[in-house]
Amino acid sequence: MANWFDLPKDLLERICDICIAPDHIRMQCVCRSWRSILKKIIHRELPWLMMLPNKEDDEHQDARFFFSLSKQKIHTFHLPEIRGKRCCGSFQNGWLMLVDEKLDICLFHPWTKKKINLPHQSTFKDQIFDLECATVEEMRDLNIRKAALSDDGEVVVVIYGVGTTALCRIGDEAYTHIGMTSLDDVVYHKGCFYALSQVASVYVLHIEDEPHWEELTPELESLPYTIFGYLVPDILTDSMFVITRQVKSIEIDGTTGEVKYLDDDRDTDDLYPRHKTIHFDIYSVTFGRRERGANKVHQDGKLR
């Protein structure tokens, strides 16, 4: 063979199949032809689920474990840069959004180790936490609920507090407030930011001039306190799925492991009550130029 650059595609794919994830990243650095082939192979394996380290395992506190749904295997990466930080967002282009104990926020790419600083958490307009009612750790872990990043990596939209939204562009010193609250989820899809309200209405964000949300669909159902909503884009079309998840508050006996279902979070002394999913519904939502609407495509999804 003349050189490694001309390695046949099927042979390179076979080598990739038996290598671990860190090797995939190193192999992309060999040449452009390898990179173009390997990027497609790795994308077949996404999404990965990032797992938390075992707090009692001192040896692996700097490691992060990623579970591949398609390959059914766990990839391990040494990432001391994110130790002690909360991951409050993960995005399709590989970036993680992190907040530390000083409430500094950044984007971090675990493969390239590149870091981009974002405005400090204190620049949010509406502050529901302060040091008089919460610890720094609680402010780090509870304030930012969801985040989304544009495909070009230039704009970040955050849901924080009681469902308030804000955005920033890379290089901004403060977040720009968006005049709406009670949002549950936010995603970026086909050039736009979309959000889901706590009554399961879908909105699109207009970021030119004065940023504002436009309602695309009316409320799908009145969601009680025990239901959470999620937006899932359909990558092949302009439609989306709205998933509503009903939960039940639980307590777990520390000695016996017995699970006790509670009628209300107020029945427990836990600051962060645990929940268990007991039911879900799925809606297909369309908001193209010619039609808008929502249809329930799966209901009574009880988990057993």
C-alpha atoms as a PDB file:
ATOM      1  CA  MET A   1       0.000   0.000   0.000  1.00  0.00           C
ATOM      2  CA  ALA A   2       1.338   3.435  -0.984  1.00  0.00           C
ATOM      3  CA  ASN A   3       0.349   5.153   2.268  1.00  0.00           C
ATOM      4  CA  TRP A   4      -2.088   4.979   5.158  1.00  0.00           C
ATOM      5  CA  PHE A   5      -4.178   7.795   3.680  1.00  0.00           C
ATOM      6  CA  ASP A   6      -5.456   5.420   0.981  1.00  0.00           C
ATOM      7  CA  LEU A   7      -6.684   2.763   3.393  1.00  0.00           C
ATOM      8  CA  PRO A   8      -9.959   1.317   1.990  1.00  0.00           C
ATOM      9  CA  LYS A   9     -13.090   2.688   3.627  1.00  0.00           C
ATOM     10  CA  ASP A  10     -14.495  -0.731   4.618  1.00  0.00           C
ATOM     11  CA  LEU A  11     -11.200  -1.694   6.287  1.00  0.00           C
ATOM     12  CA  LEU A  12     -11.047   1.624   8.165  1.00  0.00           C
ATOM     13  CA  GLU A  13     -14.631   1.101   9.367  1.00  0.00           C
ATOM     14  CA  ARG A  14     -13.722  -2.382  10.585  1.00  0.00           C
ATOM     15  CA  ILE A  15     -10.741  -1.013  12.532  1.00  0.00           C
ATOM     16  CA  CYS A  16     -12.989   1.665  14.019  1.00  0.00           C
ATOM     17  CA  ASP A  17     -15.494  -0.951  15.184  1.00  0.00           C
ATOM     18  CA  ILE A  18     -12.933  -2.712  17.369  1.00  0.00           C
ATOM     19  CA  CYS A  19     -11.332   0.464  18.764  1.00  0.00           C
ATOM     20  CA  ILE A  20     -12.493   2.407  21.799  1.00  0.00           C
ATOM     21  CA  ALA A  21     -13.816   5.969  21.654  1.00  0.00           C
ATOM     22  CA  PRO A  22     -10.539   7.808  22.577  1.00  0.00           C
ATOM     23  CA  ASP A  23      -8.842   5.991  19.679  1.00  0.00           C
ATOM     24  CA  HIS A  24     -11.573   7.213  17.319  1.00  0.00           C
ATOM     25  CA  ILE A  25     -10.674  10.795  18.214  1.00  0.00           C
ATOM     26  CA  ARG A  26      -6.950  10.210  17.694  1.00  0.00           C
ATOM     27  CA  MET A  27      -7.613   8.505  14.342  1.00  0.00           C
ATOM     28  CA  GLN A  28      -9.443  11.597  13.089  1.00  0.00           C
ATOM     29  CA  CYS A  29      -6.195  13.541  13.450  1.00  0.00           C
ATOM     30  CA  VAL A  30      -4.331  11.375  10.903  1.00  0.00           C
ATOM     31  CA  CYS A  31      -5.679  13.063   7.764  1.00  0.00           C
ATOM     32  CA  ARG A  32      -8.767  14.684   6.253  1.00  0.00           C
ATOM     33  CA  SER A  33      -9.957  11.524   4.499  1.00  0.00           C
ATOM     34  CA  TRP A  34      -9.869   9.528   7.749  1.00  0.00           C
ATOM     35  CA  ARG A  35     -11.622  12.351   9.582  1.00  0.00           C
ATOM     36  CA  SER A  36     -14.487  12.569   7.064  1.00  0.00           C
ATOM     37  CA  ILE A  37     -15.094   8.799   7.252  1.00  0.00           C
ATOM     38  CA  LEU A  38     -14.708   8.456  11.026  1.00  0.00           C
ATOM     39  CA  LYS A  39     -16.997  11.406  11.842  1.00  0.00           C
ATOM     40  CA  LYS A  40     -19.851   9.622  10.045  1.00  0.00           C
ATOM     41  CA  ILE A  41     -19.099   6.363  11.873  1.00  0.00           C
ATOM     42  CA  ILE A  42     -19.027   8.025  15.303  1.00  0.00           C
ATOM     43  CA  HIS A  43     -22.284   9.897  14.613  1.00  0.00           C
ATOM     44  CA  ARG A  44     -23.987   6.538  14.026  1.00  0.00           C
ATOM     45  CA  GLU A  45     -23.237   5.710  17.647  1.00  0.00           C
ATOM     46  CA  LEU A  46     -24.700   8.896  19.097  1.00  0.00           C
ATOM     47  CA  PRO A  47     -26.397   9.893  21.327  1.00  0.00           C
ATOM     48  CA  TRP A  48     -24.355   8.959  24.369  1.00  0.00           C
ATOM     49  CA  LEU A  49     -25.636   9.261  27.911  1.00  0.00           C
ATOM     50  CA  MET A  50     -23.177  10.832  30.365  1.00  0.00           C
ATOM     51  CA  MET A  51     -23.092   8.971  33.676  1.00  0.00           C
ATOM     52  CA  LEU A  52     -22.053  10.391  37.024  1.00  0.00           C
ATOM     53  CA  PRO A  53     -19.057   8.897  38.834  1.00  0.00           C
ATOM     54  CA  ASN A  54     -19.524   6.920  42.001  1.00  0.00           C
ATOM     55  CA  LYS A  55     -18.832   9.366  44.848  1.00  0.00           C
ATOM     56  CA  GLU A  56     -17.289   6.551  46.888  1.00  0.00           C
ATOM     57  CA  ASP A  57     -14.870   5.618  44.081  1.00  0.00           C
ATOM     58  CA  ASP A  58     -11.940   7.972  44.689  1.00  0.00           C
ATOM     59  CA  GLU A  59      -9.894   6.397  41.896  1.00  0.00           C
ATOM     60  CA  HIS A  60     -12.300   7.502  39.137  1.00  0.00           C
ATOM     61  CA  GLN A  61     -13.481  10.921  40.341  1.00  0.00           C
ATOM     62  CA  ASP A  62     -11.898  12.589  37.293  1.00  0.00           C
ATOM     63  CA  ALA A  63     -13.426  10.076  34.885  1.00  0.00           C
ATOM     64  CA  ARG A  64     -16.714  10.419  33.037  1.00  0.00           C
ATOM     65  CA  PHE A  65     -18.535   7.452  31.644  1.00  0.00           C
ATOM     66  CA  PHE A  66     -20.613   7.676  28.460  1.00  0.00           C
ATOM     67  CA  PHE A  67     -23.109   4.944  27.638  1.00  0.00           C
ATOM     68  CA  SER A  68     -23.686   4.264  23.938  1.00  0.00           C
ATOM     69  CA  LEU A  69     -27.318   3.347  23.273  1.00  0.00           C
ATOM     70  CA  SER A  70     -26.582   1.840  19.844  1.00  0.00           C
ATOM     71  CA  LYS A  71     -23.481  -0.153  20.840  1.00  0.00           C
ATOM     72  CA  GLN A  72     -24.683  -0.966  24.375  1.00  0.00           C
ATOM     73  CA  LYS A  73     -21.247  -0.250  25.820  1.00  0.00           C
ATOM     74  CA  ILE A  74     -19.626   2.305  28.127  1.00  0.00           C
ATOM     75  CA  HIS A  75     -16.839   4.660  26.992  1.00  0.00           C
ATOM     76  CA  THR A  76     -14.535   6.114  29.654  1.00  0.00           C
ATOM     77  CA  PHE A  77     -12.809   9.501  29.361  1.00  0.00           C
ATOM     78  CA  HIS A  78     -10.414  11.199  31.772  1.00  0.00           C
ATOM     79  CA  LEU A  79     -11.906  14.686  32.241  1.00  0.00           C
ATOM     80  CA  PRO A  80     -10.495  16.407  35.333  1.00  0.00           C
ATOM     81  CA  GLU A  81     -11.655  19.727  33.837  1.00  0.00           C
ATOM     82  CA  ILE A  82     -15.282  19.042  34.796  1.00  0.00           C
ATOM     83  CA  ARG A  83     -14.744  17.715  38.315  1.00  0.00           C
ATOM     84  CA  GLY A  84     -16.937  19.576  40.814  1.00  0.00           C
ATOM     85  CA  LYS A  85     -18.979  21.165  38.046  1.00  0.00           C
ATOM     86  CA  ARG A  86     -22.601  20.570  37.147  1.00  0.00           C
ATOM     87  CA  CYS A  87     -23.435  19.729  33.540  1.00  0.00           C
ATOM     88  CA  CYS A  88     -26.634  21.643  32.742  1.00  0.00           C
ATOM     89  CA  GLY A  89     -26.666  21.123  28.982  1.00  0.00           C
ATOM     90  CA  SER A  90     -25.279  18.819  26.302  1.00  0.00           C
ATOM     91  CA  PHE A  91     -25.565  19.630  22.627  1.00  0.00           C
ATOM     92  CA  GLN A  92     -25.507  17.866  19.289  1.00  0.00           C
ATOM     93  CA  ASN A  93     -22.201  19.383  18.240  1.00  0.00           C
ATOM     94  CA  GLY A  94     -20.370  17.902  21.235  1.00  0.00           C
ATOM     95  CA  TRP A  95     -20.323  20.852  23.652  1.00  0.00           C
ATOM     96  CA  LEU A  96     -21.233  20.595  27.323  1.00  0.00           C
ATOM     97  CA  MET A  97     -22.522  23.538  29.356  1.00  0.00           C
ATOM     98  CA  LEU A  98     -20.949  23.594  32.829  1.00  0.00           C
ATOM     99  CA  VAL A  99     -21.432  25.698  35.949  1.00  0.00           C
ATOM    100  CA  ASP A 100     -18.958  25.590  38.855  1.00  0.00           C
ATOM    101  CA  GLU A 101     -19.045  26.388  42.572  1.00  0.00           C
ATOM    102  CA  LYS A 102     -18.292  30.073  41.822  1.00  0.00           C
ATOM    103  CA  LEU A 103     -21.340  30.140  39.517  1.00  0.00           C
ATOM    104  CA  ASP A 104     -19.103  30.701  36.498  1.00  0.00           C
ATOM    105  CA  ILE A 105     -20.662  29.197  33.355  1.00  0.00           C
ATOM    106  CA  CYS A 106     -18.810  27.887  30.313  1.00  0.00           C
ATOM    107  CA  LEU A 107     -19.036  25.686  27.248  1.00  0.00           C
ATOM    108  CA  PHE A 108     -16.555  22.816  27.291  1.00  0.00           C
ATOM    109  CA  HIS A 109     -15.770  20.329  24.524  1.00  0.00           C
ATOM    110  CA  PRO A 110     -14.640  17.033  26.093  1.00  0.00           C
ATOM    111  CA  TRP A 111     -12.754  15.802  23.014  1.00  0.00           C
ATOM    112  CA  THR A 112     -10.831  18.950  22.041  1.00  0.00           C
ATOM    113  CA  LYS A 113     -10.704  20.320  25.651  1.00  0.00           C
ATOM    114  CA  LYS A 114     -11.683  23.747  24.293  1.00  0.00           C
ATOM    115  CA  LYS A 115     -13.410  26.082  26.762  1.00  0.00           C
ATOM    116  CA  ILE A 116     -15.603  29.117  26.032  1.00  0.00           C
ATOM    117  CA  ASN A 117     -16.640  31.363  28.920  1.00  0.00           C
ATOM    118  CA  LEU A 118     -20.251  32.518  29.138  1.00  0.00           C
ATOM    119  CA  PRO A 119     -21.724  35.325  31.274  1.00  0.00           C
ATOM    120  CA  HIS A 120     -21.814  34.726  35.030  1.00  0.00           C
ATOM    121  CA  GLN A 121     -24.972  33.314  36.603  1.00  0.00           C
ATOM    122  CA  SER A 122     -25.446  36.560  38.535  1.00  0.00           C
ATOM    123  CA  THR A 123     -26.264  38.378  35.267  1.00  0.00           C
ATOM    124  CA  PHE A 124     -29.658  36.652  34.990  1.00  0.00           C
ATOM    125  CA  LYS A 125     -32.343  39.307  35.416  1.00  0.00           C
ATOM    126  CA  ASP A 126     -34.585  37.325  37.796  1.00  0.00           C
ATOM    127  CA  GLN A 127     -32.736  35.857  40.771  1.00  0.00           C
ATOM    128  CA  ILE A 128     -34.810  33.464  42.906  1.00  0.00           C
ATOM    129  CA  PHE A 129     -31.812  32.125  44.843  1.00  0.00           C
ATOM    130  CA  ASP A 130     -29.373  33.980  47.075  1.00  0.00           C
ATOM    131  CA  LEU A 131     -26.962  33.044  49.828  1.00  0.00           C
ATOM    132  CA  GLU A 132     -29.547  33.903  52.499  1.00  0.00           C
ATOM    133  CA  CYS A 133     -31.861  31.071  51.422  1.00  0.00           C
ATOM    134  CA  ALA A 134     -29.563  28.650  49.563  1.00  0.00           C
ATOM    135  CA  THR A 135     -25.981  27.414  49.596  1.00  0.00           C
ATOM    136  CA  VAL A 136     -23.649  28.010  46.655  1.00  0.00           C
ATOM    137  CA  GLU A 137     -23.961  24.323  45.764  1.00  0.00           C
ATOM    138  CA  GLU A 138     -27.763  24.604  45.667  1.00  0.00           C
ATOM    139  CA  MET A 139     -27.545  27.733  43.507  1.00  0.00           C
ATOM    140  CA  ARG A 140     -25.193  25.871  41.161  1.00  0.00           C
ATOM    141  CA  ASP A 141     -27.376  22.763  40.970  1.00  0.00           C
ATOM    142  CA  LEU A 142     -30.900  24.213  40.939  1.00  0.00           C
ATOM    143  CA  ASN A 143     -30.969  27.507  39.041  1.00  0.00           C
ATOM    144  CA  ILE A 144     -30.284  26.491  35.426  1.00  0.00           C
ATOM    145  CA  ARG A 145     -32.899  23.994  34.304  1.00  0.00           C
ATOM    146  CA  LYS A 146     -32.343  23.587  30.544  1.00  0.00           C
ATOM    147  CA  ALA A 147     -30.139  25.056  27.823  1.00  0.00           C
ATOM    148  CA  ALA A 148     -29.813  24.932  24.038  1.00  0.00           C
ATOM    149  CA  LEU A 149     -26.997  25.914  21.670  1.00  0.00           C
ATOM    150  CA  SER A 150     -27.281  26.954  18.019  1.00  0.00           C
ATOM    151  CA  ASP A 151     -25.581  24.713  15.462  1.00  0.00           C
ATOM    152  CA  ASP A 152     -22.978  27.390  14.702  1.00  0.00           C
ATOM    153  CA  GLY A 153     -22.125  27.578  18.414  1.00  0.00           C
ATOM    154  CA  GLU A 154     -22.804  31.315  18.594  1.00  0.00           C
ATOM    155  CA  VAL A 155     -26.055  31.611  20.601  1.00  0.00           C
ATOM    156  CA  VAL A 156     -27.077  29.997  23.906  1.00  0.00           C
ATOM    157  CA  VAL A 157     -30.632  30.015  25.293  1.00  0.00           C
ATOM    158  CA  VAL A 158     -31.168  29.126  28.953  1.00  0.00           C
ATOM    159  CA  ILE A 159     -34.231  28.260  31.046  1.00  0.00           C
ATOM    160  CA  TYR A 160     -33.623  29.103  34.694  1.00  0.00           C
ATOM    161  CA  GLY A 161     -35.446  29.760  37.947  1.00  0.00           C
ATOM    162  CA  VAL A 162     -39.209  29.270  37.547  1.00  0.00           C
ATOM    163  CA  GLY A 163     -39.066  28.784  33.785  1.00  0.00           C
ATOM    164  CA  THR A 164     -37.633  32.187  32.838  1.00  0.00           C
ATOM    165  CA  THR A 165     -35.580  32.400  29.628  1.00  0.00           C
ATOM    166  CA  ALA A 166     -32.473  34.339  28.670  1.00  0.00           C
ATOM    167  CA  LEU A 167     -29.989  34.253  25.813  1.00  0.00           C
ATOM    168  CA  CYS A 168     -26.405  35.244  25.160  1.00  0.00           C
ATOM    169  CA  ARG A 169     -24.068  35.356  22.212  1.00  0.00           C
ATOM    170  CA  ILE A 170     -20.473  34.248  22.509  1.00  0.00           C
ATOM    171  CA  GLY A 171     -18.529  37.205  23.897  1.00  0.00           C
ATOM    172  CA  ASP A 172     -21.473  38.810  25.734  1.00  0.00           C
ATOM    173  CA  GLU A 173     -20.847  39.943  29.309  1.00  0.00           C
ATOM    174  CA  ALA A 174     -24.457  39.459  30.454  1.00  0.00           C
ATOM    175  CA  TYR A 175     -27.550  37.485  29.493  1.00  0.00           C
ATOM    176  CA  THR A 176     -30.382  39.144  27.565  1.00  0.00           C
ATOM    177  CA  HIS A 177     -33.729  38.642  29.271  1.00  0.00           C
ATOM    178  CA  ILE A 178     -36.600  37.187  27.208  1.00  0.00           C
ATOM    179  CA  GLY A 179     -39.975  38.268  28.518  1.00  0.00           C
ATOM    180  CA  MET A 180     -41.654  34.986  29.289  1.00  0.00           C
ATOM    181  CA  THR A 181     -41.789  32.473  32.151  1.00  0.00           C
ATOM    182  CA  SER A 182     -43.157  28.997  32.888  1.00  0.00           C
ATOM    183  CA  LEU A 183     -41.169  27.172  30.197  1.00  0.00           C
ATOM    184  CA  ASP A 184     -40.153  23.551  30.681  1.00  0.00           C
ATOM    185  CA  ASP A 185     -37.833  22.699  27.787  1.00  0.00           C
ATOM    186  CA  VAL A 186     -35.830  24.333  24.993  1.00  0.00           C
ATOM    187  CA  VAL A 187     -34.139  22.849  21.900  1.00  0.00           C
ATOM    188  CA  TYR A 188     -32.451  24.063  18.718  1.00  0.00           C
ATOM    189  CA  HIS A 189     -33.782  22.540  15.506  1.00  0.00           C
ATOM    190  CA  LYS A 190     -33.275  23.438  11.835  1.00  0.00           C
ATOM    191  CA  GLY A 191     -32.097  26.984  12.469  1.00  0.00           C
ATOM    192  CA  CYS A 192     -34.517  27.972  15.259  1.00  0.00           C
ATOM    193  CA  PHE A 193     -34.898  27.741  19.022  1.00  0.00           C
ATOM    194  CA  TYR A 194     -38.119  26.109  20.205  1.00  0.00           C
ATOM    195  CA  ALA A 195     -39.530  25.963  23.728  1.00  0.00           C
ATOM    196  CA  LEU A 196     -42.267  24.046  25.511  1.00  0.00           C
ATOM    197  CA  SER A 197     -44.417  25.705  28.144  1.00  0.00           C
ATOM    198  CA  GLN A 198     -45.748  24.129  31.307  1.00  0.00           C
ATOM    199  CA  VAL A 199     -49.143  23.715  29.589  1.00  0.00           C
ATOM    200  CA  ALA A 200     -47.421  21.981  26.638  1.00  0.00           C
ATOM    201  CA  SER A 201     -47.658  24.861  24.149  1.00  0.00           C
ATOM    202  CA  VAL A 202     -44.818  25.067  21.621  1.00  0.00           C
ATOM    203  CA  TYR A 203     -43.074  28.403  20.935  1.00  0.00           C
ATOM    204  CA  VAL A 204     -40.422  29.611  18.477  1.00  0.00           C
ATOM    205  CA  LEU A 205     -37.870  32.273  19.417  1.00  0.00           C
ATOM    206  CA  HIS A 206     -37.279  35.405  17.337  1.00  0.00           C
ATOM    207  CA  ILE A 207     -33.854  36.745  18.294  1.00  0.00           C
ATOM    208  CA  GLU A 208     -33.617  39.768  16.009  1.00  0.00           C
ATOM    209  CA  ASP A 209     -33.972  43.185  17.664  1.00  0.00           C
ATOM    210  CA  GLU A 210     -36.044  42.488  20.812  1.00  0.00           C
ATOM    211  CA  PRO A 211     -35.979  38.711  21.465  1.00  0.00           C
ATOM    212  CA  HIS A 212     -39.450  37.262  21.998  1.00  0.00           C
ATOM    213  CA  TRP A 213     -41.330  33.962  21.830  1.00  0.00           C
ATOM    214  CA  GLU A 214     -44.131  33.320  19.316  1.00  0.00           C
ATOM    215  CA  GLU A 215     -46.718  30.649  20.118  1.00  0.00           C
ATOM    216  CA  LEU A 216     -46.967  27.961  17.421  1.00  0.00           C
ATOM    217  CA  THR A 217     -49.479  25.598  18.998  1.00  0.00           C
ATOM    218  CA  PRO A 218     -52.078  26.077  21.750  1.00  0.00           C
ATOM    219  CA  GLU A 219     -51.809  24.071  24.946  1.00  0.00           C
ATOM    220  CA  LEU A 220     -52.023  20.328  24.357  1.00  0.00           C
ATOM    221  CA  GLU A 221     -53.272  19.522  27.818  1.00  0.00           C
ATOM    222  CA  SER A 222     -53.360  21.143  31.221  1.00  0.00           C
ATOM    223  CA  LEU A 223     -50.344  19.709  32.972  1.00  0.00           C
ATOM    224  CA  PRO A 224     -50.618  19.182  36.724  1.00  0.00           C
ATOM    225  CA  TYR A 225     -47.687  19.727  39.048  1.00  0.00           C
ATOM    226  CA  THR A 226     -46.621  16.095  38.700  1.00  0.00           C
ATOM    227  CA  ILE A 227     -46.138  16.170  34.903  1.00  0.00           C
ATOM    228  CA  PHE A 228     -43.008  17.301  33.052  1.00  0.00           C
ATOM    229  CA  GLY A 229     -42.779  18.145  29.352  1.00  0.00           C
ATOM    230  CA  TYR A 230     -40.025  17.538  26.783  1.00  0.00           C
ATOM    231  CA  LEU A 231     -39.433  18.556  23.162  1.00  0.00           C
ATOM    232  CA  VAL A 232     -37.850  15.955  20.844  1.00  0.00           C
ATOM    233  CA  PRO A 233     -37.052  17.125  17.281  1.00  0.00           C
ATOM    234  CA  ASP A 234     -37.648  14.835  14.317  1.00  0.00           C
ATOM    235  CA  ILE A 235     -34.335  15.162  12.445  1.00  0.00           C
ATOM    236  CA  LEU A 236     -35.913  14.071   9.139  1.00  0.00           C
ATOM    237  CA  THR A 237     -38.824  16.532   9.021  1.00  0.00           C
ATOM    238  CA  ASP A 238     -39.943  19.917  10.338  1.00  0.00           C
ATOM    239  CA  SER A 239     -42.132  18.320  12.999  1.00  0.00           C
ATOM    240  CA  MET A 240     -41.407  17.571  16.647  1.00  0.00           C
ATOM    241  CA  PHE A 241     -42.591  15.276  19.353  1.00  0.00           C
ATOM    242  CA  VAL A 242     -43.875  16.542  22.679  1.00  0.00           C
ATOM    243  CA  ILE A 243     -43.534  14.045  25.507  1.00  0.00           C
ATOM    244  CA  THR A 244     -45.412  14.558  28.764  1.00  0.00           C
ATOM    245  CA  ARG A 245     -44.199  12.495  31.723  1.00  0.00           C
ATOM    246  CA  GLN A 246     -46.212  11.997  34.890  1.00  0.00           C
ATOM    247  CA  VAL A 247     -44.303  11.211  38.058  1.00  0.00           C
ATOM    248  CA  LYS A 248     -45.017  10.138  41.603  1.00  0.00           C
ATOM    249  CA  SER A 249     -43.037  11.345  44.606  1.00  0.00           C
ATOM    250  CA  ILE A 250     -41.281   8.562  46.474  1.00  0.00           C
ATOM    251  CA  GLU A 251     -39.197   7.919  49.559  1.00  0.00           C
ATOM    252  CA  ILE A 252     -36.671   5.099  49.760  1.00  0.00           C
ATOM    253  CA  ASP A 253     -35.950   3.496  53.113  1.00  0.00           C
ATOM    254  CA  GLY A 254     -32.192   3.673  53.651  1.00  0.00           C
ATOM    255  CA  THR A 255     -32.113   0.362  55.523  1.00  0.00           C
ATOM    256  CA  THR A 256     -34.553  -1.871  53.670  1.00  0.00           C
ATOM    257  CA  GLY A 257     -34.585  -0.146  50.267  1.00  0.00           C
ATOM    258  CA  GLU A 258     -38.389  -0.162  50.359  1.00  0.00           C
ATOM    259  CA  VAL A 259     -40.053   2.383  48.060  1.00  0.00           C
ATOM    260  CA  LYS A 260     -42.913   4.424  49.521  1.00  0.00           C
ATOM    261  CA  TYR A 261     -45.176   6.465  47.232  1.00  0.00           C
ATOM    262  CA  LEU A 262     -46.197   9.905  48.506  1.00  0.00           C
ATOM    263  CA  ASP A 263     -49.284  11.921  47.669  1.00  0.00           C
ATOM    264  CA  ASP A 264     -47.329  15.172  47.620  1.00  0.00           C
ATOM    265  CA  ASP A 265     -43.722  16.402  47.879  1.00  0.00           C
ATOM    266  CA  ARG A 266     -44.766  18.208  51.034  1.00  0.00           C
ATOM    267  CA  ASP A 267     -45.126  14.812  52.726  1.00  0.00           C
ATOM    268  CA  THR A 268     -41.346  14.412  52.775  1.00  0.00           C
ATOM    269  CA  ASP A 269     -38.567  16.258  54.575  1.00  0.00           C
ATOM    270  CA  ASP A 270     -36.176  15.783  51.626  1.00  0.00           C
ATOM    271  CA  LEU A 271     -34.945  19.028  50.066  1.00  0.00           C
ATOM    272  CA  TYR A 272     -34.723  17.276  46.693  1.00  0.00           C
ATOM    273  CA  PRO A 273     -37.619  14.781  46.635  1.00  0.00           C
ATOM    274  CA  ARG A 274     -37.236  11.751  44.393  1.00  0.00           C
ATOM    275  CA  HIS A 275     -39.707  10.904  41.653  1.00  0.00           C
ATOM    276  CA  LYS A 276     -40.637   7.830  39.682  1.00  0.00           C
ATOM    277  CA  THR A 277     -42.202   7.919  36.207  1.00  0.00           C
ATOM    278  CA  ILE A 278     -45.606   6.229  36.140  1.00  0.00           C
ATOM    279  CA  HIS A 279     -47.119   7.415  32.840  1.00  0.00           C
ATOM    280  CA  PHE A 280     -46.252   9.229  29.596  1.00  0.00           C
ATOM    281  CA  ASP A 281     -47.982  10.558  26.460  1.00  0.00           C
ATOM    282  CA  ILE A 282     -46.430  11.409  23.082  1.00  0.00           C
ATOM    283  CA  TYR A 283     -47.710  14.051  20.645  1.00  0.00           C
ATOM    284  CA  SER A 284     -46.589  14.680  17.076  1.00  0.00           C
ATOM    285  CA  VAL A 285     -46.468  18.450  16.507  1.00  0.00           C
ATOM    286  CA  THR A 286     -46.391  20.072  13.062  1.00  0.00           C
ATOM    287  CA  PHE A 287     -45.801  23.784  12.492  1.00  0.00           C
ATOM    288  CA  GLY A 288     -44.829  24.161   8.848  1.00  0.00           C
ATOM    289  CA  ARG A 289     -45.957  27.030   6.634  1.00  0.00           C
ATOM    290  CA  ARG A 290     -49.058  25.181   5.434  1.00  0.00           C
ATOM    291  CA  GLU A 291     -50.239  23.541   8.619  1.00  0.00           C
ATOM    292  CA  ARG A 292     -49.881  23.686  12.359  1.00  0.00           C
ATOM    293  CA  GLY A 293     -51.260  21.304  14.905  1.00  0.00           C
ATOM    294  CA  ALA A 294     -50.705  18.420  17.276  1.00  0.00           C
ATOM    295  CA  ASN A 295     -51.879  14.826  17.326  1.00  0.00           C
ATOM    296  CA  LYS A 296     -51.513  12.332  20.130  1.00  0.00           C
ATOM    297  CA  VAL A 297     -49.604   9.377  18.681  1.00  0.00           C
ATOM    298  CA  HIS A 298     -49.124   7.385  21.880  1.00  0.00           C
ATOM    299  CA  GLN A 299     -51.116   7.488  25.063  1.00  0.00           C
ATOM    300  CA  ASP A 300     -51.551   5.614  28.306  1.00  0.00           C
ATOM    301  CA  GLY A 301     -47.870   4.775  28.243  1.00  0.00           C
ATOM    302  CA  LYS A 302     -47.704   3.157  31.626  1.00  0.00           C
ATOM    303  CA  LEU A 303     -44.354   1.915  32.836  1.00  0.00           C
ATOM    304  CA  ARG A 304     -44.346  -1.512  34.415  1.00  0.00           C
END
